[in-house]
N, C-alpha and C. Protein backbone atom coordinates (compact mmCIF):
# COMPACT_ATOMS: atom_id res chain seq x y z
N UNK A 1 0.88 -0.97 0.25
CA UNK A 1 0.18 0.20 0.09
C UNK A 1 0.91 1.20 0.12
N UNK A 2 0.30 2.31 -0.92
CA UNK A 2 1.77 3.46 -1.03
C UNK A 2 1.30 4.31 0.15
N UNK A 3 1.95 5.08 0.49
CA UNK A 3 2.11 5.93 1.88
C UNK A 3 0.97 7.32 1.18
N UNK A 4 1.22 7.54 0.10
CA UNK A 4 0.46 8.76 -0.39
C UNK A 4 -0.61 8.07 -1.47
N UNK A 5 -2.15 8.35 -1.21
CA UNK A 5 -3.13 7.80 -2.03
C UNK A 5 -3.45 9.08 -2.86
N UNK A 6 -4.01 8.36 -4.23
CA UNK A 6 -4.73 9.33 -5.12
C UNK A 6 -6.44 9.27 -4.43
N UNK A 7 -6.94 10.41 -5.23
CA UNK A 7 -8.49 10.41 -4.21
C UNK A 7 -9.13 9.22 -4.74
N UNK A 8 -9.12 8.80 -5.85
CA UNK A 8 -9.66 7.52 -6.19
C UNK A 8 -9.16 6.65 -5.31
N UNK A 9 -7.86 6.30 -4.93
CA UNK A 9 -7.53 4.89 -4.28
C UNK A 9 -8.24 5.31 -2.71
N UNK A 10 -8.05 6.49 -2.11
CA UNK A 10 -8.64 6.81 -0.77
C UNK A 10 -10.13 6.74 -0.79
N UNK A 11 -10.95 7.02 -2.02
CA UNK A 11 -12.23 6.84 -1.86
C UNK A 11 -12.75 5.27 -1.87
N UNK A 12 -11.93 4.61 -2.80
CA UNK A 12 -12.11 3.14 -2.91
C UNK A 12 -11.68 2.36 -1.13
N UNK A 13 -10.78 3.08 -0.65
CA UNK A 13 -10.15 2.37 0.69
C UNK A 13 -11.17 2.39 1.55
N UNK A 14 -11.88 3.82 1.63
CA UNK A 14 -12.89 4.12 2.51
C UNK A 14 -14.10 3.79 2.27
N UNK A 15 -14.32 3.36 0.98
CA UNK A 15 -15.95 2.38 0.26
C UNK A 15 -16.69 3.90 0.34
N UNK A 16 -16.11 4.99 -0.37
CA UNK A 16 -17.14 5.65 -0.87
C UNK A 16 -16.87 6.52 -2.26
N UNK A 17 -17.63 7.39 -3.00
CA UNK A 17 -17.63 8.27 -3.95
C UNK A 17 -16.36 9.18 -3.89
N UNK A 18 -15.74 9.40 -5.11
CA UNK A 18 -14.73 10.93 -5.31
C UNK A 18 -15.58 11.88 -4.79
N UNK A 19 -16.74 12.19 -5.02
CA UNK A 19 -17.34 13.69 -4.50
C UNK A 19 -17.41 13.42 -2.88
N UNK A 20 -17.88 12.52 -2.32
CA UNK A 20 -17.82 12.42 -1.05
C UNK A 20 -16.47 12.72 -0.47
N UNK A 21 -15.45 11.97 -0.95
CA UNK A 21 -14.05 12.30 -0.46
C UNK A 21 -13.69 13.74 -0.66
N UNK A 22 -14.03 14.37 -1.84
CA UNK A 22 -13.66 15.89 -2.04
C UNK A 22 -14.65 16.79 -1.13
N UNK A 23 -15.82 16.45 -0.79
CA UNK A 23 -16.54 16.94 0.54
C UNK A 23 -15.70 16.93 1.67
N UNK A 24 -15.10 15.87 2.05
CA UNK A 24 -14.33 15.50 3.30
C UNK A 24 -13.34 16.38 3.23
N UNK A 25 -12.58 16.53 2.09
CA UNK A 25 -11.05 17.31 1.98
C UNK A 25 -11.57 18.53 2.12
N UNK A 26 -12.71 19.13 1.38
CA UNK A 26 -13.19 21.01 1.51
C UNK A 26 -13.66 20.88 3.08
N UNK A 27 -14.24 20.13 3.59
CA UNK A 27 -14.65 20.33 5.20
C UNK A 27 -13.53 20.33 5.96
N UNK A 28 -12.38 19.89 5.63
CA UNK A 28 -11.24 19.70 6.45
C UNK A 28 -11.11 18.44 7.29
N UNK A 29 -12.03 17.50 6.99
CA UNK A 29 -12.18 16.43 7.81
C UNK A 29 -10.93 15.36 7.48
N UNK A 30 -10.30 15.57 6.18
CA UNK A 30 -9.17 14.89 5.72
C UNK A 30 -8.26 15.82 5.10
N UNK A 31 -7.27 15.82 5.55
CA UNK A 31 -5.82 16.75 5.23
C UNK A 31 -5.19 15.75 3.61
N UNK A 32 -4.73 16.75 2.94
CA UNK A 32 -3.95 16.25 1.74
C UNK A 32 -2.61 17.05 1.61
N UNK A 33 -1.97 16.56 0.48
CA UNK A 33 -0.56 17.24 0.01
C UNK A 33 -1.34 17.51 -1.33
N UNK A 34 -0.53 18.62 -1.87
CA UNK A 34 -0.66 19.07 -3.64
C UNK A 34 0.61 19.38 -3.91
N UNK A 35 1.11 18.83 -5.15
CA UNK A 35 2.25 19.08 -5.78
C UNK A 35 1.59 19.41 -7.27
N UNK A 36 2.28 20.35 -7.73
CA UNK A 36 1.56 20.78 -8.87
C UNK A 36 -0.03 20.51 -8.83
N UNK A 37 -0.77 20.01 -9.78
CA UNK A 37 -1.98 19.41 -10.15
C UNK A 37 -2.68 18.45 -9.56
N UNK A 38 -1.41 17.82 -8.80
CA UNK A 38 -1.81 16.36 -8.23
C UNK A 38 -2.08 16.50 -6.80
N UNK A 39 -3.06 15.82 -6.40
CA UNK A 39 -3.66 15.92 -4.79
C UNK A 39 -3.59 14.33 -4.46
N UNK A 40 -2.70 14.17 -3.18
CA UNK A 40 -2.47 13.00 -2.54
C UNK A 40 -3.00 13.08 -1.00
N UNK A 41 -3.40 12.03 -0.85
CA UNK A 41 -4.22 11.76 0.98
C UNK A 41 -3.07 10.63 1.28
N UNK A 42 -2.53 11.25 2.22
CA UNK A 42 -1.71 10.41 3.21
C UNK A 42 -2.33 9.67 3.80
N UNK A 43 -1.87 8.09 3.78
CA UNK A 43 -2.59 7.02 4.36
C UNK A 43 -2.71 7.06 5.94
N UNK A 44 -1.83 7.68 6.37
CA UNK A 44 -2.09 7.98 8.14
C UNK A 44 -3.36 9.02 8.11
N UNK A 45 -3.72 9.54 7.18
CA UNK A 45 -4.96 10.76 7.36
C UNK A 45 -6.00 9.95 7.04
N UNK A 46 -6.17 8.82 6.39
CA UNK A 46 -7.19 7.83 6.31
C UNK A 46 -7.46 6.93 7.59
N UNK A 47 -6.34 6.73 8.11
CA UNK A 47 -6.37 6.01 9.30
C UNK A 47 -6.86 6.91 10.55
N UNK A 48 -6.51 8.15 10.68
CA UNK A 48 -7.10 9.21 11.26
C UNK A 48 -8.44 9.49 11.07
N UNK A 49 -8.60 9.47 10.12
CA UNK A 49 -10.31 10.03 9.68
C UNK A 49 -11.36 8.66 10.38
N UNK A 50 -10.98 7.42 10.21
CA UNK A 50 -11.46 6.13 10.91
C UNK A 50 -11.60 6.44 12.08
N UNK A 51 -10.12 6.70 12.58
CA UNK A 51 -10.18 6.74 14.12
C UNK A 51 -11.36 7.85 14.79
N UNK A 52 -11.65 8.90 13.84
CA UNK A 52 -12.29 9.89 14.50
C UNK A 52 -13.59 9.59 14.52
N UNK A 53 -13.99 8.86 13.28
CA UNK A 53 -15.51 8.35 13.23
C UNK A 53 -15.84 7.65 14.56
N UNK A 54 -15.04 6.71 14.59
CA UNK A 54 -15.05 5.66 15.72
C UNK A 54 -15.30 6.22 17.18
N UNK A 55 -14.38 7.30 17.20
CA UNK A 55 -14.48 8.07 18.74
C UNK A 55 -15.61 8.67 18.64
N UNK A 56 -16.39 9.17 17.65
CA UNK A 56 -17.39 10.07 17.62
C UNK A 56 -18.89 9.25 18.04
N UNK A 57 -18.78 8.01 17.11
CA UNK A 57 -19.61 7.02 17.64
C UNK A 57 -19.85 6.38 18.93
N UNK A 58 -18.32 6.41 19.39
CA UNK A 58 -18.59 5.75 20.90
C UNK A 58 -18.99 6.84 21.77
N UNK A 59 -18.30 8.01 21.68
CA UNK A 59 -18.96 9.41 22.17
C UNK A 59 -20.32 9.46 22.37
N UNK A 60 -21.22 9.45 21.16
CA UNK A 60 -22.62 9.42 21.09
C UNK A 60 -23.40 8.09 21.56
N UNK A 61 -22.74 7.08 22.00
CA UNK A 61 -23.05 5.69 22.75
C UNK A 61 -23.23 5.94 24.20
N UNK A 62 -21.88 6.66 24.52
CA UNK A 62 -21.89 7.07 25.74
C UNK A 62 -22.86 7.92 26.18
N UNK A 63 -23.50 9.03 25.55
CA UNK A 63 -24.27 10.06 25.86
C UNK A 63 -25.51 9.60 25.58
N UNK A 64 -25.94 8.35 25.13
CA UNK A 64 -27.41 7.77 25.11
C UNK A 64 -27.15 6.50 25.69
N UNK A 65 -27.23 6.41 27.12
CA UNK A 65 -27.15 5.35 28.00
C UNK A 65 -28.63 4.59 27.50
N UNK A 66 -28.43 3.19 27.76
CA UNK A 66 -29.79 2.02 27.24
C UNK A 66 -29.96 1.92 25.89
N UNK A 67 -29.07 2.28 25.13
CA UNK A 67 -29.17 2.17 23.44
C UNK A 67 -28.09 1.08 23.46
N UNK A 68 -28.55 -0.05 22.83
CA UNK A 68 -27.90 -1.39 22.52
C UNK A 68 -26.86 -1.03 21.58
N UNK A 69 -25.31 -1.32 21.64
CA UNK A 69 -24.41 -1.27 20.72
C UNK A 69 -24.78 -2.02 19.57
N UNK A 70 -24.28 -1.68 18.40
CA UNK A 70 -24.20 -2.63 17.22
C UNK A 70 -23.16 -3.29 16.96
N UNK A 71 -22.25 -3.46 17.78
CA UNK A 71 -20.90 -4.45 17.62
C UNK A 71 -20.99 -5.48 18.76
């Protein structure tokens, strides 16, 4: 796995479309690097994004006691 992913690779890895991935980039949810016209998403950023999603989900579960977890 490369350390810098194309937008297509990152979108495939996250199971989403390119448009959604660009929305995440525009919202600052994912950081990228640009060299000329080429945009790359560091693999570590994908991992961090997933970790933040999991943290948010866990935080929401803690705020809603009595709701069974899906895992």
